[in-house]
Amino acid sequence: MSAGRNKRREKPVNRTVIFLLVALAASLFYIAYGEYSKLESQKIRSAFDLGYRQGVTDTVTKLYEESESCQPVPVFLGNRTKNVIDVSCLVTQENANQTQP
């Protein structure tokens, strides 16, 4: 009879252990998935930031290069347009106008 008693006690313990292992595995999966999602989000954000910085650098470089010829450079923002001229070109033109009689 004592052998029968031990089997009955083992079943609840085994079920409890199995339940705890399944709960632990589910918790670990949930945590790992959350960390993986965070990493992927950070990668995307980093790529976005890098692209934005490169775009700003390219824009400023192009504006600088185009304005060196002392010609107006059109800058567009939506449906608005401004013409940009290098200030050093204006100073040079003022000096040329002042030296001419």
N, C-alpha and C. Protein backbone atom coordinates (compact mmCIF):
# COMPACT_ATOMS: atom_id res chain seq x y z
N MET A 1 0.80 -1.19 0.00
CA MET A 1 0.00 0.00 0.00
C MET A 1 0.85 1.27 0.00
N SER A 2 1.96 1.21 0.62
CA SER A 2 2.79 2.41 0.66
C SER A 2 3.28 2.77 -0.74
N ALA A 3 3.44 1.81 -1.62
CA ALA A 3 3.86 2.10 -2.98
C ALA A 3 2.76 2.86 -3.72
N GLY A 4 1.51 2.53 -3.47
CA GLY A 4 0.39 3.22 -4.09
C GLY A 4 0.27 4.66 -3.62
N ARG A 5 0.56 4.89 -2.37
CA ARG A 5 0.51 6.25 -1.83
C ARG A 5 1.57 7.14 -2.49
N ASN A 6 2.77 6.62 -2.68
CA ASN A 6 3.85 7.41 -3.29
C ASN A 6 3.50 7.82 -4.72
N LYS A 7 2.87 6.96 -5.46
CA LYS A 7 2.48 7.28 -6.84
C LYS A 7 1.45 8.41 -6.85
N ARG A 8 0.51 8.38 -5.93
CA ARG A 8 -0.51 9.42 -5.88
C ARG A 8 0.11 10.77 -5.53
N ARG A 9 1.08 10.79 -4.67
CA ARG A 9 1.73 12.04 -4.29
C ARG A 9 2.63 12.56 -5.42
N GLU A 10 3.22 11.71 -6.18
CA GLU A 10 4.12 12.12 -7.26
C GLU A 10 3.36 12.83 -8.38
N LYS A 11 2.16 12.43 -8.65
CA LYS A 11 1.40 13.04 -9.75
C LYS A 11 1.17 14.54 -9.53
N PRO A 12 0.70 14.98 -8.37
CA PRO A 12 0.54 16.41 -8.18
C PRO A 12 1.87 17.16 -8.25
N VAL A 13 2.92 16.56 -7.73
CA VAL A 13 4.23 17.20 -7.77
C VAL A 13 4.70 17.30 -9.21
N ASN A 14 4.54 16.26 -9.98
CA ASN A 14 4.93 16.28 -11.38
C ASN A 14 4.13 17.32 -12.17
N ARG A 15 2.84 17.39 -11.91
CA ARG A 15 2.00 18.38 -12.59
C ARG A 15 2.43 19.80 -12.22
N THR A 16 2.75 20.00 -10.96
CA THR A 16 3.19 21.31 -10.49
C THR A 16 4.51 21.69 -11.14
N VAL A 17 5.43 20.74 -11.20
CA VAL A 17 6.73 21.00 -11.82
C VAL A 17 6.56 21.31 -13.30
N ILE A 18 5.74 20.53 -13.98
CA ILE A 18 5.49 20.76 -15.41
C ILE A 18 4.85 22.13 -15.62
N PHE A 19 3.87 22.45 -14.80
CA PHE A 19 3.22 23.76 -14.91
C PHE A 19 4.23 24.90 -14.70
N LEU A 20 5.08 24.76 -13.69
CA LEU A 20 6.08 25.79 -13.41
C LEU A 20 7.09 25.90 -14.55
N LEU A 21 7.49 24.79 -15.12
CA LEU A 21 8.42 24.81 -16.25
C LEU A 21 7.80 25.49 -17.48
N VAL A 22 6.55 25.19 -17.74
CA VAL A 22 5.85 25.82 -18.86
C VAL A 22 5.71 27.32 -18.62
N ALA A 23 5.37 27.70 -17.40
CA ALA A 23 5.25 29.13 -17.06
C ALA A 23 6.60 29.83 -17.19
N LEU A 24 7.67 29.17 -16.76
CA LEU A 24 9.01 29.73 -16.88
C LEU A 24 9.41 29.89 -18.34
N ALA A 25 9.13 28.89 -19.14
CA ALA A 25 9.45 28.96 -20.57
C ALA A 25 8.66 30.08 -21.24
N ALA A 26 7.40 30.22 -20.91
CA ALA A 26 6.58 31.28 -21.49
C ALA A 26 7.09 32.65 -21.07
N SER A 27 7.48 32.78 -19.81
CA SER A 27 8.02 34.05 -19.32
C SER A 27 9.33 34.40 -20.01
N LEU A 28 10.21 33.42 -20.16
CA LEU A 28 11.48 33.65 -20.83
C LEU A 28 11.27 34.03 -22.30
N PHE A 29 10.33 33.38 -22.95
CA PHE A 29 10.01 33.72 -24.35
C PHE A 29 9.49 35.14 -24.43
N TYR A 30 8.61 35.52 -23.52
CA TYR A 30 8.04 36.87 -23.53
C TYR A 30 9.13 37.92 -23.32
N ILE A 31 10.04 37.68 -22.39
CA ILE A 31 11.14 38.62 -22.12
C ILE A 31 12.07 38.69 -23.32
N ALA A 32 12.43 37.54 -23.88
CA ALA A 32 13.34 37.51 -25.04
C ALA A 32 12.71 38.22 -26.23
N TYR A 33 11.43 38.01 -26.47
CA TYR A 33 10.75 38.67 -27.58
C TYR A 33 10.72 40.19 -27.37
N GLY A 34 10.49 40.62 -26.15
CA GLY A 34 10.49 42.05 -25.85
C GLY A 34 11.85 42.68 -26.09
N GLU A 35 12.91 42.01 -25.67
CA GLU A 35 14.26 42.52 -25.87
C GLU A 35 14.61 42.54 -27.36
N TYR A 36 14.22 41.50 -28.09
CA TYR A 36 14.47 41.45 -29.53
C TYR A 36 13.73 42.59 -30.24
N SER A 37 12.50 42.84 -29.85
CA SER A 37 11.74 43.93 -30.45
C SER A 37 12.40 45.27 -30.18
N LYS A 38 12.92 45.45 -28.97
CA LYS A 38 13.62 46.69 -28.62
C LYS A 38 14.86 46.87 -29.48
N LEU A 39 15.63 45.80 -29.66
CA LEU A 39 16.83 45.86 -30.48
C LEU A 39 16.50 46.23 -31.93
N GLU A 40 15.49 45.60 -32.48
CA GLU A 40 15.09 45.89 -33.86
C GLU A 40 14.63 47.34 -33.99
N SER A 41 13.90 47.81 -33.02
CA SER A 41 13.43 49.19 -33.03
C SER A 41 14.60 50.17 -32.97
N GLN A 42 15.60 49.85 -32.14
CA GLN A 42 16.78 50.70 -32.05
C GLN A 42 17.56 50.71 -33.35
N LYS A 43 17.65 49.56 -34.03
CA LYS A 43 18.34 49.49 -35.32
C LYS A 43 17.65 50.37 -36.35
N ILE A 44 16.33 50.31 -36.39
CA ILE A 44 15.57 51.11 -37.34
C ILE A 44 15.73 52.59 -37.03
N ARG A 45 15.66 52.94 -35.75
CA ARG A 45 15.83 54.34 -35.35
C ARG A 45 17.23 54.85 -35.70
N SER A 46 18.24 54.01 -35.48
CA SER A 46 19.61 54.39 -35.80
C SER A 46 19.78 54.62 -37.30
N ALA A 47 19.21 53.75 -38.11
CA ALA A 47 19.28 53.91 -39.56
C ALA A 47 18.55 55.18 -39.99
N PHE A 48 17.42 55.46 -39.39
CA PHE A 48 16.67 56.67 -39.71
C PHE A 48 17.49 57.92 -39.36
N ASP A 49 18.09 57.93 -38.17
CA ASP A 49 18.90 59.08 -37.75
C ASP A 49 20.10 59.27 -38.66
N LEU A 50 20.75 58.17 -39.04
CA LEU A 50 21.90 58.26 -39.93
C LEU A 50 21.49 58.82 -41.29
N GLY A 51 20.38 58.38 -41.82
CA GLY A 51 19.87 58.89 -43.09
C GLY A 51 19.51 60.36 -43.01
N TYR A 52 18.92 60.77 -41.90
CA TYR A 52 18.56 62.17 -41.72
C TYR A 52 19.80 63.05 -41.68
N ARG A 53 20.80 62.64 -40.90
CA ARG A 53 22.05 63.42 -40.81
C ARG A 53 22.74 63.51 -42.16
N GLN A 54 22.73 62.40 -42.91
CA GLN A 54 23.36 62.41 -44.22
C GLN A 54 22.60 63.34 -45.17
N GLY A 55 21.29 63.35 -45.09
CA GLY A 55 20.49 64.25 -45.92
C GLY A 55 20.76 65.71 -45.61
N VAL A 56 20.86 66.04 -44.34
CA VAL A 56 21.17 67.42 -43.95
C VAL A 56 22.55 67.81 -44.45
N THR A 57 23.52 66.92 -44.28
CA THR A 57 24.89 67.19 -44.74
C THR A 57 24.92 67.40 -46.25
N ASP A 58 24.24 66.54 -46.99
CA ASP A 58 24.20 66.67 -48.45
C ASP A 58 23.54 67.98 -48.88
N THR A 59 22.47 68.37 -48.20
CA THR A 59 21.77 69.60 -48.53
C THR A 59 22.64 70.82 -48.30
N VAL A 60 23.28 70.88 -47.15
CA VAL A 60 24.14 72.02 -46.82
C VAL A 60 25.33 72.08 -47.78
N THR A 61 25.91 70.93 -48.08
CA THR A 61 27.05 70.88 -49.01
C THR A 61 26.64 71.39 -50.38
N LYS A 62 25.49 70.94 -50.88
CA LYS A 62 25.01 71.38 -52.19
C LYS A 62 24.72 72.88 -52.19
N LEU A 63 24.10 73.38 -51.14
CA LEU A 63 23.80 74.80 -51.04
C LEU A 63 25.10 75.61 -51.02
N TYR A 64 26.08 75.15 -50.28
CA TYR A 64 27.36 75.83 -50.20
C TYR A 64 28.04 75.86 -51.57
N GLU A 65 28.07 74.72 -52.24
CA GLU A 65 28.73 74.64 -53.55
C GLU A 65 28.03 75.51 -54.60
N GLU A 66 26.70 75.50 -54.60
CA GLU A 66 25.97 76.26 -55.60
C GLU A 66 26.03 77.77 -55.34
N SER A 67 26.18 78.16 -54.08
CA SER A 67 26.20 79.59 -53.78
C SER A 67 27.58 80.21 -53.98
N GLU A 68 28.60 79.39 -54.23
CA GLU A 68 29.94 79.93 -54.45
C GLU A 68 30.05 80.74 -55.74
N SER A 69 29.17 80.50 -56.69
CA SER A 69 29.23 81.22 -57.98
C SER A 69 28.59 82.61 -57.90
N CYS A 70 28.17 83.03 -56.72
CA CYS A 70 27.52 84.33 -56.50
C CYS A 70 26.23 84.50 -57.29
N GLN A 71 25.60 83.40 -57.62
CA GLN A 71 24.29 83.42 -58.27
C GLN A 71 23.23 83.02 -57.24
N PRO A 72 22.02 83.53 -57.37
CA PRO A 72 20.95 83.12 -56.44
C PRO A 72 20.69 81.62 -56.56
N VAL A 73 20.52 80.99 -55.43
CA VAL A 73 20.23 79.55 -55.38
C VAL A 73 18.82 79.38 -54.85
N PRO A 74 17.92 78.77 -55.64
CA PRO A 74 16.55 78.58 -55.15
C PRO A 74 16.49 77.47 -54.09
N VAL A 75 15.77 77.75 -53.02
CA VAL A 75 15.54 76.77 -51.96
C VAL A 75 14.03 76.58 -51.86
N PHE A 76 13.61 75.33 -51.95
CA PHE A 76 12.18 75.01 -51.96
C PHE A 76 11.76 74.37 -50.64
N LEU A 77 10.61 74.81 -50.13
CA LEU A 77 10.01 74.20 -48.95
C LEU A 77 8.52 74.08 -49.24
N GLY A 78 8.13 72.89 -49.62
CA GLY A 78 6.73 72.68 -50.02
C GLY A 78 6.44 73.48 -51.27
N ASN A 79 5.46 74.38 -51.19
CA ASN A 79 5.12 75.20 -52.35
C ASN A 79 5.73 76.60 -52.24
N ARG A 80 6.65 76.81 -51.32
CA ARG A 80 7.32 78.10 -51.15
C ARG A 80 8.75 78.02 -51.68
N THR A 81 9.23 79.15 -52.21
CA THR A 81 10.59 79.21 -52.76
C THR A 81 11.27 80.46 -52.25
N LYS A 82 12.53 80.32 -51.88
CA LYS A 82 13.37 81.47 -51.51
C LYS A 82 14.64 81.37 -52.33
N ASN A 83 15.19 82.52 -52.69
CA ASN A 83 16.49 82.55 -53.35
C ASN A 83 17.54 82.96 -52.34
N VAL A 84 18.61 82.18 -52.26
CA VAL A 84 19.67 82.40 -51.29
C VAL A 84 20.91 82.86 -52.04
N ILE A 85 21.55 83.90 -51.50
CA ILE A 85 22.80 84.41 -52.07
C ILE A 85 23.82 84.48 -50.94
N ASP A 86 25.05 84.11 -51.25
CA ASP A 86 26.14 84.16 -50.27
C ASP A 86 26.41 85.62 -49.90
N VAL A 87 26.47 85.92 -48.61
CA VAL A 87 26.68 87.29 -48.13
C VAL A 87 28.03 87.83 -48.61
N SER A 88 29.03 87.00 -48.69
CA SER A 88 30.33 87.47 -49.16
C SER A 88 30.25 87.97 -50.59
N CYS A 89 29.35 87.47 -51.39
CA CYS A 89 29.16 87.96 -52.76
C CYS A 89 28.57 89.37 -52.72
N LEU A 90 27.64 89.62 -51.78
CA LEU A 90 27.03 90.94 -51.68
C LEU A 90 28.06 91.97 -51.24
N VAL A 91 28.92 91.60 -50.31
CA VAL A 91 29.95 92.51 -49.83
C VAL A 91 30.91 92.82 -50.97
N THR A 92 31.27 91.84 -51.78
CA THR A 92 32.16 92.05 -52.92
C THR A 92 31.52 92.98 -53.94
N GLN A 93 30.23 92.81 -54.20
CA GLN A 93 29.54 93.67 -55.16
C GLN A 93 29.44 95.09 -54.64
N GLU A 94 29.21 95.27 -53.35
CA GLU A 94 29.15 96.61 -52.76
C GLU A 94 30.50 97.31 -52.88
N ASN A 95 31.57 96.57 -52.62
CA ASN A 95 32.91 97.15 -52.76
C ASN A 95 33.19 97.54 -54.19
N ALA A 96 32.74 96.75 -55.14
CA ALA A 96 32.97 97.07 -56.56
C ALA A 96 32.16 98.31 -56.95
N ASN A 97 30.95 98.45 -56.42
CA ASN A 97 30.13 99.62 -56.72
C ASN A 97 30.72 100.89 -56.10
N GLN A 98 31.32 100.78 -54.94
CA GLN A 98 31.90 101.94 -54.27
C GLN A 98 33.18 102.41 -54.96
N THR A 99 33.94 101.53 -55.56
CA THR A 99 35.18 101.93 -56.20
C THR A 99 34.95 102.51 -57.59
N GLN A 100 33.81 102.25 -58.19
CA GLN A 100 33.51 102.81 -59.50
C GLN A 100 32.98 104.24 -59.33
N PRO A 101 33.50 105.20 -60.14
CA PRO A 101 33.03 106.58 -60.01
C PRO A 101 31.68 106.81 -60.64
